[in-house]
C-alpha atoms as a PDB file:
ATOM      1  CA  UNK A   1      61.781 -88.154 -20.549  1.00  0.00           C
ATOM      2  CA  UNK A   2      58.345 -87.344 -19.083  1.00  0.00           C
ATOM      3  CA  UNK A   3      57.634 -86.050 -15.652  1.00  0.00           C
ATOM      4  CA  UNK A   4      55.288 -89.011 -15.342  1.00  0.00           C
ATOM      5  CA  UNK A   5      58.121 -91.464 -15.442  1.00  0.00           C
ATOM      6  CA  UNK A   6      60.052 -89.546 -12.840  1.00  0.00           C
ATOM      7  CA  UNK A   7      56.962 -89.303 -10.568  1.00  0.00           C
ATOM      8  CA  UNK A   8      56.309 -93.031 -11.025  1.00  0.00           C
ATOM      9  CA  UNK A   9      59.946 -93.657 -10.055  1.00  0.00           C
ATOM     10  CA  UNK A  10      59.622 -91.461  -7.006  1.00  0.00           C
ATOM     11  CA  UNK A  11      56.403 -93.324  -5.952  1.00  0.00           C
ATOM     12  CA  UNK A  12      58.073 -96.604  -6.317  1.00  0.00           C
ATOM     13  CA  UNK A  13      61.071 -95.398  -4.274  1.00  0.00           C
ATOM     14  CA  UNK A  14      58.880 -94.156  -1.537  1.00  0.00           C
ATOM     15  CA  UNK A  15      57.046 -97.552  -1.358  1.00  0.00           C
ATOM     16  CA  UNK A  16      60.393 -99.406  -1.205  1.00  0.00           C
ATOM     17  CA  UNK A  17      61.641 -97.165   1.502  1.00  0.00           C
ATOM     18  CA  UNK A  18      58.466 -97.677   3.479  1.00  0.00           C
ATOM     19  CA  UNK A  19      59.031-101.390   3.346  1.00  0.00           C
ATOM     20  CA  UNK A  20      62.732-100.900   4.356  1.00  0.00           C
ATOM     21  CA  UNK A  21      61.507 -98.874   7.399  1.00  0.00           C
ATOM     22  CA  UNK A  22      59.039-101.668   8.221  1.00  0.00           C
ATOM     23  CA  UNK A  23      61.792-104.207   7.991  1.00  0.00           C
ATOM     24  CA  UNK A  24      64.184-102.448  10.338  1.00  0.00           C
ATOM     25  CA  UNK A  25      61.393-101.975  12.871  1.00  0.00           C
ATOM     26  CA  UNK A  26      60.820-105.710  13.123  1.00  0.00           C
ATOM     27  CA  UNK A  27      62.251-107.672  16.086  1.00  0.00           C
ATOM     28  CA  UNK A  28      65.572-109.495  15.267  1.00  0.00           C
ATOM     29  CA  UNK A  29      64.285-112.863  16.369  1.00  0.00           C
ATOM     30  CA  UNK A  30      64.818-114.801  13.150  1.00  0.00           C
ATOM     31  CA  UNK A  31      67.504-114.965  10.420  1.00  0.00           C
ATOM     32  CA  UNK A  32      64.918-114.137   7.866  1.00  0.00           C
ATOM     33  CA  UNK A  33      64.599-110.608   9.304  1.00  0.00           C
ATOM     34  CA  UNK A  34      68.151-109.984   8.358  1.00  0.00           C
ATOM     35  CA  UNK A  35      67.579-111.363   4.770  1.00  0.00           C
ATOM     36  CA  UNK A  36      64.348-109.420   4.316  1.00  0.00           C
ATOM     37  CA  UNK A  37      65.980-106.174   5.492  1.00  0.00           C
ATOM     38  CA  UNK A  38      68.949-106.509   3.236  1.00  0.00           C
ATOM     39  CA  UNK A  39      66.562-107.298   0.325  1.00  0.00           C
ATOM     40  CA  UNK A  40      64.493-104.177   1.064  1.00  0.00           C
ATOM     41  CA  UNK A  41      67.723-102.103   1.334  1.00  0.00           C
ATOM     42  CA  UNK A  42      68.876-103.469  -2.063  1.00  0.00           C
ATOM     43  CA  UNK A  43      65.535-102.518  -3.724  1.00  0.00           C
ATOM     44  CA  UNK A  44      65.660 -99.019  -2.124  1.00  0.00           C
ATOM     45  CA  UNK A  45      69.219 -98.397  -3.325  1.00  0.00           C
ATOM     46  CA  UNK A  46      68.397 -99.542  -6.863  1.00  0.00           C
ATOM     47  CA  UNK A  47      65.288 -97.438  -7.004  1.00  0.00           C
ATOM     48  CA  UNK A  48      67.038 -94.432  -5.595  1.00  0.00           C
ATOM     49  CA  UNK A  49      69.841 -94.292  -8.201  1.00  0.00           C
ATOM     50  CA  UNK A  50      67.448 -94.965 -11.021  1.00  0.00           C
ATOM     51  CA  UNK A  51      65.149 -92.231  -9.746  1.00  0.00           C
ATOM     52  CA  UNK A  52      68.066 -89.888  -9.700  1.00  0.00           C
ATOM     53  CA  UNK A  53      69.102 -90.982 -13.258  1.00  0.00           C
ATOM     54  CA  UNK A  54      65.565 -90.106 -14.401  1.00  0.00           C
ATOM     55  CA  UNK A  55      65.835 -86.677 -12.674  1.00  0.00           C
ATOM     56  CA  UNK A  56      69.156 -85.947 -14.331  1.00  0.00           C
ATOM     57  CA  UNK A  57      67.870 -86.891 -17.732  1.00  0.00           C
ATOM     58  CA  UNK A  58      65.105 -84.417 -17.210  1.00  0.00           C
ATOM     59  CA  UNK A  59      67.780 -81.702 -16.914  1.00  0.00           C
ATOM     60  CA  UNK A  60      69.625 -82.958 -19.873  1.00  0.00           C
ATOM     61  CA  UNK A  61      72.410 -84.757 -17.958  1.00  0.00           C
ATOM     62  CA  UNK A  62      73.387 -88.252 -18.781  1.00  0.00           C
ATOM     63  CA  UNK A  63      75.046 -90.631 -16.257  1.00  0.00           C
ATOM     64  CA  UNK A  64      74.992 -94.314 -16.529  1.00  0.00           C
ATOM     65  CA  UNK A  65      76.502 -96.127 -13.523  1.00  0.00           C
ATOM     66  CA  UNK A  66      75.089 -95.753  -9.966  1.00  0.00           C
ATOM     67  CA  UNK A  67      78.324 -94.105  -8.800  1.00  0.00           C
ATOM     68  CA  UNK A  68      78.296 -91.581 -11.516  1.00  0.00           C
ATOM     69  CA  UNK A  69      74.619 -90.817 -11.041  1.00  0.00           C
ATOM     70  CA  UNK A  70      75.198 -90.165  -7.271  1.00  0.00           C
ATOM     71  CA  UNK A  71      78.143 -87.966  -7.968  1.00  0.00           C
ATOM     72  CA  UNK A  72      76.333 -86.000 -10.728  1.00  0.00           C
ATOM     73  CA  UNK A  73      73.057 -85.698  -8.567  1.00  0.00           C
ATOM     74  CA  UNK A  74      75.193 -84.246  -5.866  1.00  0.00           C
ATOM     75  CA  UNK A  75      76.728 -81.705  -8.248  1.00  0.00           C
ATOM     76  CA  UNK A  76      73.201 -80.754  -9.472  1.00  0.00           C
ATOM     77  CA  UNK A  77      72.044 -80.290  -5.854  1.00  0.00           C
ATOM     78  CA  UNK A  78      69.612 -83.287  -6.123  1.00  0.00           C
ATOM     79  CA  UNK A  79      71.338 -84.974  -3.201  1.00  0.00           C
ATOM     80  CA  UNK A  80      72.460 -83.275  -0.078  1.00  0.00           C
ATOM     81  CA  UNK A  81      75.407 -85.569   0.814  1.00  0.00           C
ATOM     82  CA  UNK A  82      77.291 -87.602  -1.638  1.00  0.00           C
ATOM     83  CA  UNK A  83      79.675 -89.236   0.840  1.00  0.00           C
ATOM     84  CA  UNK A  84      76.843 -90.904   2.720  1.00  0.00           C
ATOM     85  CA  UNK A  85      75.235 -92.171  -0.548  1.00  0.00           C
ATOM     86  CA  UNK A  86      78.500 -93.449  -1.818  1.00  0.00           C
ATOM     87  CA  UNK A  87      78.844 -95.340   1.436  1.00  0.00           C
ATOM     88  CA  UNK A  88      75.320 -96.685   1.009  1.00  0.00           C
ATOM     89  CA  UNK A  89      76.205 -97.697  -2.594  1.00  0.00           C
ATOM     90  CA  UNK A  90      79.349 -99.512  -1.147  1.00  0.00           C
ATOM     91  CA  UNK A  91      77.160-101.444   1.314  1.00  0.00           C
ATOM     92  CA  UNK A  92      74.736-102.321  -1.484  1.00  0.00           C
ATOM     93  CA  UNK A  93      77.616-103.636  -3.556  1.00  0.00           C
ATOM     94  CA  UNK A  94      78.883-105.651  -0.547  1.00  0.00           C
ATOM     95  CA  UNK A  95      75.414-107.310  -0.115  1.00  0.00           C
ATOM     96  CA  UNK A  96      75.673-108.801  -3.551  1.00  0.00           C
ATOM     97  CA  UNK A  97      78.877-110.577  -2.620  1.00  0.00           C
ATOM     98  CA  UNK A  98      78.149-111.750   1.036  1.00  0.00           C
ATOM     99  CA  UNK A  99      76.306-114.946   1.612  1.00  0.00           C
ATOM    100  CA  UNK A 100      73.671-114.588   4.246  1.00  0.00           C
ATOM    101  CA  UNK A 101      75.162-117.345   6.476  1.00  0.00           C
ATOM    102  CA  UNK A 102      78.401-115.235   6.833  1.00  0.00           C
ATOM    103  CA  UNK A 103      79.310-113.055   9.927  1.00  0.00           C
ATOM    104  CA  UNK A 104      79.286-109.796   8.017  1.00  0.00           C
ATOM    105  CA  UNK A 105      75.479-109.978   7.684  1.00  0.00           C
ATOM    106  CA  UNK A 106      74.941-108.598  11.197  1.00  0.00           C
ATOM    107  CA  UNK A 107      77.332-105.814  10.616  1.00  0.00           C
ATOM    108  CA  UNK A 108      75.674-105.053   7.245  1.00  0.00           C
ATOM    109  CA  UNK A 109      72.292-105.151   8.945  1.00  0.00           C
ATOM    110  CA  UNK A 110      73.448-102.657  11.647  1.00  0.00           C
ATOM    111  CA  UNK A 111      74.668-100.276   8.912  1.00  0.00           C
ATOM    112  CA  UNK A 112      71.406-100.574   7.143  1.00  0.00           C
ATOM    113  CA  UNK A 113      69.413 -99.765  10.392  1.00  0.00           C
ATOM    114  CA  UNK A 114      71.604 -96.710  10.942  1.00  0.00           C
ATOM    115  CA  UNK A 115      71.292 -95.391   7.403  1.00  0.00           C
ATOM    116  CA  UNK A 116      67.618 -96.101   6.780  1.00  0.00           C
ATOM    117  CA  UNK A 117      66.476 -92.594   7.965  1.00  0.00           C
ATOM    118  CA  UNK A 118      68.749 -91.038   5.291  1.00  0.00           C
ATOM    119  CA  UNK A 119      66.485 -92.508   2.616  1.00  0.00           C
ATOM    120  CA  UNK A 120      63.364 -90.753   3.841  1.00  0.00           C
ATOM    121  CA  UNK A 121      65.116 -87.473   4.438  1.00  0.00           C
ATOM    122  CA  UNK A 122      66.575 -87.551   0.892  1.00  0.00           C
ATOM    123  CA  UNK A 123      63.239 -88.385  -0.683  1.00  0.00           C
ATOM    124  CA  UNK A 124      61.603 -85.339   0.888  1.00  0.00           C
ATOM    125  CA  UNK A 125      64.484 -83.200  -0.101  1.00  0.00           C
ATOM    126  CA  UNK A 126      64.579 -84.528  -3.644  1.00  0.00           C
ATOM    127  CA  UNK A 127      60.717 -83.947  -4.067  1.00  0.00           C
ATOM    128  CA  UNK A 128      61.129 -80.311  -2.970  1.00  0.00           C
ATOM    129  CA  UNK A 129      64.067 -79.783  -5.362  1.00  0.00           C
ATOM    130  CA  UNK A 130      62.231 -81.325  -8.290  1.00  0.00           C
ATOM    131  CA  UNK A 131      59.134 -79.251  -7.571  1.00  0.00           C
ATOM    132  CA  UNK A 132      60.994 -75.994  -8.335  1.00  0.00           C
END
């Protein structure tokens, strides 16, 4: 795997997280805000684990599922906190099974708002670790 593919993946992740940050900053005056934020969160989660998968491959490590990628990335010091990321992954999995008209949407949204800063922090940390 080339460094270019990893760098492209990191760039895509940064853009997705920037959109997520925009979404959580919007006023909650319309149901579409919840839907948009959840969708941005889903994109960010997908891009994060796929970026980590590319990084692991660069080091000769194969992991295939999002959960195994997160656990292995933590072992390889590419993530600073596996428990938070496994929680984020669980929330992401929940969003796939909750209809947006159900009550849990607000709870999920609040969790996303609280966890969004973790994405930016981890991207910065990941970039510095990969530059070594």
